[in-house]
């Protein structure tokens, strides 16, 4: 039970830790977050190998990180 809870909380923790100010940083952190989430999803859902979930998650996370941009007037710490 504790292992399953840890597996479910890991992507949430990674999401909160991911940040970046530039396009490349956001794509890289998005890809890393997607990798972790994809591995967990692949392990929990079944029918898809873990590496398949990792590939899908990495691609999706990097794409989402690349197309989302922070407000151009502030940095990730909220300062101008």
PDB file of N, CA and C in Angstrom:
ATOM      1  N   UNK A   1       0.818  -1.188   0.000  1.00  0.00           N
ATOM      2  CA  UNK A   1       0.000   0.000   0.000  1.00  0.00           C
ATOM      3  C   UNK A   1       0.869   1.262   0.000  1.00  0.00           C
ATOM      4  N   UNK A   2       1.895   1.300   0.833  1.00  0.00           N
ATOM      5  CA  UNK A   2       2.769   2.478   0.903  1.00  0.00           C
ATOM      6  C   UNK A   2       3.494   2.692  -0.423  1.00  0.00           C
ATOM      7  N   UNK A   3       3.876   1.612  -1.093  1.00  0.00           N
ATOM      8  CA  UNK A   3       4.562   1.727  -2.376  1.00  0.00           C
ATOM      9  C   UNK A   3       3.640   2.365  -3.414  1.00  0.00           C
ATOM     10  N   UNK A   4       2.379   1.977  -3.415  1.00  0.00           N
ATOM     11  CA  UNK A   4       1.420   2.523  -4.371  1.00  0.00           C
ATOM     12  C   UNK A   4       1.167   4.012  -4.104  1.00  0.00           C
ATOM     13  N   UNK A   5       1.086   4.390  -2.846  1.00  0.00           N
ATOM     14  CA  UNK A   5       0.897   5.800  -2.489  1.00  0.00           C
ATOM     15  C   UNK A   5       2.110   6.613  -2.945  1.00  0.00           C
ATOM     16  N   UNK A   6       3.302   6.084  -2.734  1.00  0.00           N
ATOM     17  CA  UNK A   6       4.520   6.762  -3.166  1.00  0.00           C
ATOM     18  C   UNK A   6       4.530   6.930  -4.679  1.00  0.00           C
ATOM     19  N   UNK A   7       4.128   5.900  -5.395  1.00  0.00           N
ATOM     20  CA  UNK A   7       4.092   5.969  -6.860  1.00  0.00           C
ATOM     21  C   UNK A   7       3.111   7.045  -7.322  1.00  0.00           C
ATOM     22  N   UNK A   8       2.012   7.195  -6.623  1.00  0.00           N
ATOM     23  CA  UNK A   8       1.027   8.197  -7.008  1.00  0.00           C
ATOM     24  C   UNK A   8       1.449   9.615  -6.626  1.00  0.00           C
ATOM     25  N   UNK A   9       2.194   9.767  -5.542  1.00  0.00           N
ATOM     26  CA  UNK A   9       2.614  11.096  -5.100  1.00  0.00           C
ATOM     27  C   UNK A   9       3.849  11.614  -5.826  1.00  0.00           C
ATOM     28  N   UNK A  10       4.648  10.727  -6.378  1.00  0.00           N
ATOM     29  CA  UNK A  10       5.874  11.132  -7.062  1.00  0.00           C
ATOM     30  C   UNK A  10       5.612  12.098  -8.222  1.00  0.00           C
ATOM     31  N   UNK A  11       4.676  11.817  -9.119  1.00  0.00           N
ATOM     32  CA  UNK A  11       4.437  12.785 -10.198  1.00  0.00           C
ATOM     33  C   UNK A  11       3.968  14.148  -9.686  1.00  0.00           C
ATOM     34  N   UNK A  12       3.185  14.162  -8.624  1.00  0.00           N
ATOM     35  CA  UNK A  12       2.739  15.442  -8.065  1.00  0.00           C
ATOM     36  C   UNK A  12       3.926  16.236  -7.531  1.00  0.00           C
ATOM     37  N   UNK A  13       4.835  15.570  -6.854  1.00  0.00           N
ATOM     38  CA  UNK A  13       6.022  16.251  -6.331  1.00  0.00           C
ATOM     39  C   UNK A  13       6.899  16.765  -7.467  1.00  0.00           C
ATOM     40  N   UNK A  14       7.034  15.982  -8.527  1.00  0.00           N
ATOM     41  CA  UNK A  14       7.841  16.404  -9.667  1.00  0.00           C
ATOM     42  C   UNK A  14       7.202  17.593 -10.376  1.00  0.00           C
ATOM     43  N   UNK A  15       5.886  17.605 -10.443  1.00  0.00           N
ATOM     44  CA  UNK A  15       5.192  18.722 -11.073  1.00  0.00           C
ATOM     45  C   UNK A  15       5.443  20.011 -10.312  1.00  0.00           C
ATOM     46  N   UNK A  16       5.399  19.935  -9.005  1.00  0.00           N
ATOM     47  CA  UNK A  16       5.639  21.130  -8.202  1.00  0.00           C
ATOM     48  C   UNK A  16       7.090  21.588  -8.283  1.00  0.00           C
ATOM     49  N   UNK A  17       8.003  20.678  -8.536  1.00  0.00           N
ATOM     50  CA  UNK A  17       9.419  21.026  -8.589  1.00  0.00           C
ATOM     51  C   UNK A  17       9.845  21.549  -9.953  1.00  0.00           C
ATOM     52  N   UNK A  18       9.084  21.265 -10.996  1.00  0.00           N
ATOM     53  CA  UNK A  18       9.472  21.657 -12.350  1.00  0.00           C
ATOM     54  C   UNK A  18       9.241  23.137 -12.609  1.00  0.00           C
ATOM     55  N   UNK A  19      10.239  23.788 -13.162  1.00  0.00           N
ATOM     56  CA  UNK A  19      10.090  25.198 -13.505  1.00  0.00           C
ATOM     57  C   UNK A  19      11.134  25.546 -14.542  1.00  0.00           C
ATOM     58  N   UNK A  20      10.993  26.704 -15.119  1.00  0.00           N
ATOM     59  CA  UNK A  20      11.967  27.181 -16.077  1.00  0.00           C
ATOM     60  C   UNK A  20      11.560  28.535 -16.600  1.00  0.00           C
ATOM     61  N   UNK A  21      12.536  29.349 -16.903  1.00  0.00           N
ATOM     62  CA  UNK A  21      12.260  30.688 -17.406  1.00  0.00           C
ATOM     63  C   UNK A  21      12.354  30.772 -18.922  1.00  0.00           C
ATOM     64  N   UNK A  22      13.162  29.913 -19.532  1.00  0.00           N
ATOM     65  CA  UNK A  22      13.325  29.967 -20.982  1.00  0.00           C
ATOM     66  C   UNK A  22      12.567  28.825 -21.634  1.00  0.00           C
ATOM     67  N   UNK A  23      12.422  28.926 -22.946  1.00  0.00           N
ATOM     68  CA  UNK A  23      11.728  27.897 -23.715  1.00  0.00           C
ATOM     69  C   UNK A  23      12.400  26.535 -23.526  1.00  0.00           C
ATOM     70  N   UNK A  24      13.705  26.484 -23.606  1.00  0.00           N
ATOM     71  CA  UNK A  24      14.442  25.231 -23.465  1.00  0.00           C
ATOM     72  C   UNK A  24      14.333  24.628 -22.079  1.00  0.00           C
ATOM     73  N   UNK A  25      14.414  25.481 -21.057  1.00  0.00           N
ATOM     74  CA  UNK A  25      14.280  24.984 -19.677  1.00  0.00           C
ATOM     75  C   UNK A  25      12.904  24.396 -19.442  1.00  0.00           C
ATOM     76  N   UNK A  26      11.880  25.068 -19.956  1.00  0.00           N
ATOM     77  CA  UNK A  26      10.510  24.570 -19.761  1.00  0.00           C
ATOM     78  C   UNK A  26      10.299  23.269 -20.526  1.00  0.00           C
ATOM     79  N   UNK A  27      10.865  23.141 -21.718  1.00  0.00           N
ATOM     80  CA  UNK A  27      10.743  21.894 -22.475  1.00  0.00           C
ATOM     81  C   UNK A  27      11.464  20.755 -21.751  1.00  0.00           C
ATOM     82  N   UNK A  28      12.652  21.042 -21.223  1.00  0.00           N
ATOM     83  CA  UNK A  28      13.425  20.005 -20.529  1.00  0.00           C
ATOM     84  C   UNK A  28      12.743  19.554 -19.236  1.00  0.00           C
ATOM     85  N   UNK A  29      12.284  20.510 -18.433  1.00  0.00           N
ATOM     86  CA  UNK A  29      11.623  20.120 -17.190  1.00  0.00           C
ATOM     87  C   UNK A  29      10.285  19.454 -17.476  1.00  0.00           C
ATOM     88  N   UNK A  30       9.596  19.918 -18.512  1.00  0.00           N
ATOM     89  CA  UNK A  30       8.338  19.261 -18.894  1.00  0.00           C
ATOM     90  C   UNK A  30       8.578  17.834 -19.333  1.00  0.00           C
ATOM     91  N   UNK A  31       9.645  17.610 -20.087  1.00  0.00           N
ATOM     92  CA  UNK A  31       9.982  16.255 -20.516  1.00  0.00           C
ATOM     93  C   UNK A  31      10.336  15.355 -19.341  1.00  0.00           C
ATOM     94  N   UNK A  32      11.068  15.897 -18.370  1.00  0.00           N
ATOM     95  CA  UNK A  32      11.431  15.099 -17.191  1.00  0.00           C
ATOM     96  C   UNK A  32      10.198  14.753 -16.359  1.00  0.00           C
ATOM     97  N   UNK A  33       9.315  15.717 -16.200  1.00  0.00           N
ATOM     98  CA  UNK A  33       8.085  15.454 -15.459  1.00  0.00           C
ATOM     99  C   UNK A  33       7.240  14.428 -16.200  1.00  0.00           C
ATOM    100  N   UNK A  34       7.138  14.584 -17.513  1.00  0.00           N
ATOM    101  CA  UNK A  34       6.384  13.627 -18.325  1.00  0.00           C
ATOM    102  C   UNK A  34       6.979  12.232 -18.276  1.00  0.00           C
ATOM    103  N   UNK A  35       8.299  12.146 -18.230  1.00  0.00           N
ATOM    104  CA  UNK A  35       8.966  10.849 -18.118  1.00  0.00           C
ATOM    105  C   UNK A  35       8.536  10.132 -16.852  1.00  0.00           C
ATOM    106  N   UNK A  36       8.604  10.830 -15.736  1.00  0.00           N
ATOM    107  CA  UNK A  36       8.201  10.222 -14.467  1.00  0.00           C
ATOM    108  C   UNK A  36       6.737   9.824 -14.457  1.00  0.00           C
ATOM    109  N   UNK A  37       5.887  10.712 -14.945  1.00  0.00           N
ATOM    110  CA  UNK A  37       4.456  10.412 -14.975  1.00  0.00           C
ATOM    111  C   UNK A  37       4.156   9.266 -15.927  1.00  0.00           C
ATOM    112  N   UNK A  38       4.849   9.216 -17.058  1.00  0.00           N
ATOM    113  CA  UNK A  38       4.637   8.135 -18.020  1.00  0.00           C
ATOM    114  C   UNK A  38       5.063   6.779 -17.494  1.00  0.00           C
ATOM    115  N   UNK A  39       6.166   6.738 -16.768  1.00  0.00           N
ATOM    116  CA  UNK A  39       6.622   5.478 -16.167  1.00  0.00           C
ATOM    117  C   UNK A  39       5.600   4.984 -15.151  1.00  0.00           C
ATOM    118  N   UNK A  40       5.127   5.887 -14.314  1.00  0.00           N
ATOM    119  CA  UNK A  40       4.136   5.512 -13.303  1.00  0.00           C
ATOM    120  C   UNK A  40       2.842   5.054 -13.977  1.00  0.00           C
ATOM    121  N   UNK A  41       2.387   5.796 -14.978  1.00  0.00           N
ATOM    122  CA  UNK A  41       1.156   5.417 -15.672  1.00  0.00           C
ATOM    123  C   UNK A  41       1.311   4.079 -16.374  1.00  0.00           C
ATOM    124  N   UNK A  42       2.445   3.864 -17.021  1.00  0.00           N
ATOM    125  CA  UNK A  42       2.690   2.592 -17.687  1.00  0.00           C
ATOM    126  C   UNK A  42       2.702   1.420 -16.717  1.00  0.00           C
ATOM    127  N   UNK A  43       3.231   1.652 -15.520  1.00  0.00           N
ATOM    128  CA  UNK A  43       3.279   0.592 -14.506  1.00  0.00           C
ATOM    129  C   UNK A  43       1.903   0.316 -13.920  1.00  0.00           C
ATOM    130  N   UNK A  44       1.110   1.345 -13.712  1.00  0.00           N
ATOM    131  CA  UNK A  44      -0.188   1.173 -13.069  1.00  0.00           C
ATOM    132  C   UNK A  44      -1.286   0.723 -14.027  1.00  0.00           C
ATOM    133  N   UNK A  45      -1.280   1.225 -15.243  1.00  0.00           N
ATOM    134  CA  UNK A  45      -2.356   0.927 -16.182  1.00  0.00           C
ATOM    135  C   UNK A  45      -2.210  -0.463 -16.774  1.00  0.00           C
ATOM    136  N   UNK A  46      -1.016  -0.845 -17.137  1.00  0.00           N
ATOM    137  CA  UNK A  46      -0.799  -2.142 -17.747  1.00  0.00           C
ATOM    138  C   UNK A  46      -1.181  -2.104 -19.220  1.00  0.00           C
ATOM    139  N   UNK A  47      -0.854  -3.163 -19.939  1.00  0.00           N
ATOM    140  CA  UNK A  47      -1.144  -3.227 -21.360  1.00  0.00           C
ATOM    141  C   UNK A  47      -0.161  -2.429 -22.203  1.00  0.00           C
ATOM    142  N   UNK A  48       0.697  -1.681 -21.558  1.00  0.00           N
ATOM    143  CA  UNK A  48       1.704  -0.870 -22.224  1.00  0.00           C
ATOM    144  C   UNK A  48       3.005  -1.062 -21.453  1.00  0.00           C
ATOM    145  N   UNK A  49       4.094  -1.358 -22.146  1.00  0.00           N
ATOM    146  CA  UNK A  49       5.346  -1.512 -21.410  1.00  0.00           C
ATOM    147  C   UNK A  49       5.738  -0.199 -20.725  1.00  0.00           C
ATOM    148  N   UNK A  50       6.490  -0.307 -19.657  1.00  0.00           N
ATOM    149  CA  UNK A  50       6.888   0.882 -18.907  1.00  0.00           C
ATOM    150  C   UNK A  50       7.653   1.852 -19.801  1.00  0.00           C
ATOM    151  N   UNK A  51       8.521   1.344 -20.676  1.00  0.00           N
ATOM    152  CA  UNK A  51       9.274   2.244 -21.554  1.00  0.00           C
ATOM    153  C   UNK A  51       8.343   2.946 -22.542  1.00  0.00           C
ATOM    154  N   UNK A  52       7.236   2.305 -22.909  1.00  0.00           N
ATOM    155  CA  UNK A  52       6.260   2.948 -23.795  1.00  0.00           C
ATOM    156  C   UNK A  52       5.613   4.142 -23.119  1.00  0.00           C
ATOM    157  N   UNK A  53       5.242   3.945 -21.861  1.00  0.00           N
ATOM    158  CA  UNK A  53       4.691   5.055 -21.091  1.00  0.00           C
ATOM    159  C   UNK A  53       5.705   6.171 -20.913  1.00  0.00           C
ATOM    160  N   UNK A  54       6.969   5.778 -20.737  1.00  0.00           N
ATOM    161  CA  UNK A  54       8.032   6.774 -20.580  1.00  0.00           C
ATOM    162  C   UNK A  54       8.202   7.600 -21.849  1.00  0.00           C
ATOM    163  N   UNK A  55       8.174   6.944 -23.009  1.00  0.00           N
ATOM    164  CA  UNK A  55       8.314   7.667 -24.275  1.00  0.00           C
ATOM    165  C   UNK A  55       7.154   8.625 -24.508  1.00  0.00           C
ATOM    166  N   UNK A  56       5.947   8.138 -24.289  1.00  0.00           N
ATOM    167  CA  UNK A  56       4.762   8.977 -24.487  1.00  0.00           C
ATOM    168  C   UNK A  56       4.774  10.146 -23.509  1.00  0.00           C
ATOM    169  N   UNK A  57       5.075   9.864 -22.241  1.00  0.00           N
ATOM    170  CA  UNK A  57       5.108  10.921 -21.231  1.00  0.00           C
ATOM    171  C   UNK A  57       6.173  11.971 -21.501  1.00  0.00           C
ATOM    172  N   UNK A  58       7.347  11.529 -21.933  1.00  0.00           N
ATOM    173  CA  UNK A  58       8.431  12.464 -22.227  1.00  0.00           C
ATOM    174  C   UNK A  58       8.058  13.381 -23.389  1.00  0.00           C
ATOM    175  N   UNK A  59       7.522  12.794 -24.447  1.00  0.00           N
ATOM    176  CA  UNK A  59       7.130  13.598 -25.613  1.00  0.00           C
ATOM    177  C   UNK A  59       6.032  14.593 -25.248  1.00  0.00           C
ATOM    178  N   UNK A  60       5.033  14.126 -24.533  1.00  0.00           N
ATOM    179  CA  UNK A  60       3.926  15.004 -24.160  1.00  0.00           C
ATOM    180  C   UNK A  60       4.399  16.107 -23.208  1.00  0.00           C
ATOM    181  N   UNK A  61       5.197  15.746 -22.214  1.00  0.00           N
ATOM    182  CA  UNK A  61       5.687  16.737 -21.257  1.00  0.00           C
ATOM    183  C   UNK A  61       6.569  17.784 -21.898  1.00  0.00           C
ATOM    184  N   UNK A  62       7.456  17.363 -22.799  1.00  0.00           N
ATOM    185  CA  UNK A  62       8.328  18.322 -23.478  1.00  0.00           C
ATOM    186  C   UNK A  62       7.519  19.248 -24.373  1.00  0.00           C
ATOM    187  N   UNK A  63       6.536  18.703 -25.064  1.00  0.00           N
ATOM    188  CA  UNK A  63       5.698  19.535 -25.938  1.00  0.00           C
ATOM    189  C   UNK A  63       4.905  20.554 -25.133  1.00  0.00           C
ATOM    190  N   UNK A  64       4.308  20.109 -24.042  1.00  0.00           N
ATOM    191  CA  UNK A  64       3.529  21.025 -23.207  1.00  0.00           C
ATOM    192  C   UNK A  64       4.434  22.084 -22.588  1.00  0.00           C
ATOM    193  N   UNK A  65       5.610  21.679 -22.111  1.00  0.00           N
ATOM    194  CA  UNK A  65       6.550  22.643 -21.544  1.00  0.00           C
ATOM    195  C   UNK A  65       7.028  23.652 -22.567  1.00  0.00           C
ATOM    196  N   UNK A  66       7.189  23.225 -23.810  1.00  0.00           N
ATOM    197  CA  UNK A  66       7.668  24.127 -24.855  1.00  0.00           C
ATOM    198  C   UNK A  66       6.615  25.128 -25.292  1.00  0.00           C
ATOM    199  N   UNK A  67       5.346  24.736 -25.294  1.00  0.00           N
ATOM    200  CA  UNK A  67       4.310  25.649 -25.786  1.00  0.00           C
ATOM    201  C   UNK A  67       3.742  26.551 -24.703  1.00  0.00           C
ATOM    202  N   UNK A  68       3.989  26.244 -23.437  1.00  0.00           N
ATOM    203  CA  UNK A  68       3.527  27.124 -22.378  1.00  0.00           C
ATOM    204  C   UNK A  68       4.658  28.056 -21.992  1.00  0.00           C
ATOM    205  N   UNK A  69       4.347  29.306 -21.827  1.00  0.00           N
ATOM    206  CA  UNK A  69       5.363  30.289 -21.466  1.00  0.00           C
ATOM    207  C   UNK A  69       4.890  31.083 -20.264  1.00  0.00           C
ATOM    208  N   UNK A  70       5.827  31.438 -19.386  1.00  0.00           N
ATOM    209  CA  UNK A  70       5.453  32.276 -18.249  1.00  0.00           C
ATOM    210  C   UNK A  70       5.177  33.705 -18.723  1.00  0.00           C
ATOM    211  N   UNK A  71       4.557  34.484 -17.876  1.00  0.00           N
ATOM    212  CA  UNK A  71       4.325  35.891 -18.160  1.00  0.00           C
ATOM    213  C   UNK A  71       5.666  36.538 -18.459  1.00  0.00           C
ATOM    214  N   UNK A  72       5.780  37.213 -19.571  1.00  0.00           N
ATOM    215  CA  UNK A  72       7.073  37.757 -19.992  1.00  0.00           C
ATOM    216  C   UNK A  72       7.599  38.844 -19.067  1.00  0.00           C
ATOM    217  N   UNK A  73       6.756  39.393 -18.194  1.00  0.00           N
ATOM    218  CA  UNK A  73       7.206  40.445 -17.306  1.00  0.00           C
ATOM    219  C   UNK A  73       7.753  39.950 -15.987  1.00  0.00           C
ATOM    220  N   UNK A  74       7.640  38.665 -15.690  1.00  0.00           N
ATOM    221  CA  UNK A  74       8.125  38.158 -14.409  1.00  0.00           C
ATOM    222  C   UNK A  74       8.972  36.913 -14.593  1.00  0.00           C
ATOM    223  N   UNK A  75       9.776  36.613 -13.609  1.00  0.00           N
ATOM    224  CA  UNK A  75      10.549  35.376 -13.602  1.00  0.00           C
ATOM    225  C   UNK A  75       9.793  34.354 -12.759  1.00  0.00           C
ATOM    226  N   UNK A  76      10.338  33.150 -12.658  1.00  0.00           N
ATOM    227  CA  UNK A  76       9.665  32.101 -11.889  1.00  0.00           C
ATOM    228  C   UNK A  76       9.556  32.439 -10.398  1.00  0.00           C
ATOM    229  N   UNK A  77      10.411  33.339  -9.910  1.00  0.00           N
ATOM    230  CA  UNK A  77      10.336  33.732  -8.504  1.00  0.00           C
ATOM    231  C   UNK A  77       9.339  34.859  -8.281  1.00  0.00           C
ATOM    232  N   UNK A  78       8.749  35.367  -9.375  1.00  0.00           N
ATOM    233  CA  UNK A  78       7.747  36.402  -9.254  1.00  0.00           C
ATOM    234  C   UNK A  78       8.287  37.821  -9.263  1.00  0.00           C
ATOM    235  N   UNK A  79       9.601  37.976  -9.479  1.00  0.00           N
ATOM    236  CA  UNK A  79      10.187  39.320  -9.505  1.00  0.00           C
ATOM    237  C   UNK A  79      10.261  39.827 -10.938  1.00  0.00           C
ATOM    238  N   UNK A  80      10.329  41.113 -11.083  1.00  0.00           N
ATOM    239  CA  UNK A  80      10.415  41.708 -12.421  1.00  0.00           C
ATOM    240  C   UNK A  80      11.829  42.077 -12.746  1.00  0.00           C
TER     241      UNK A  80
END
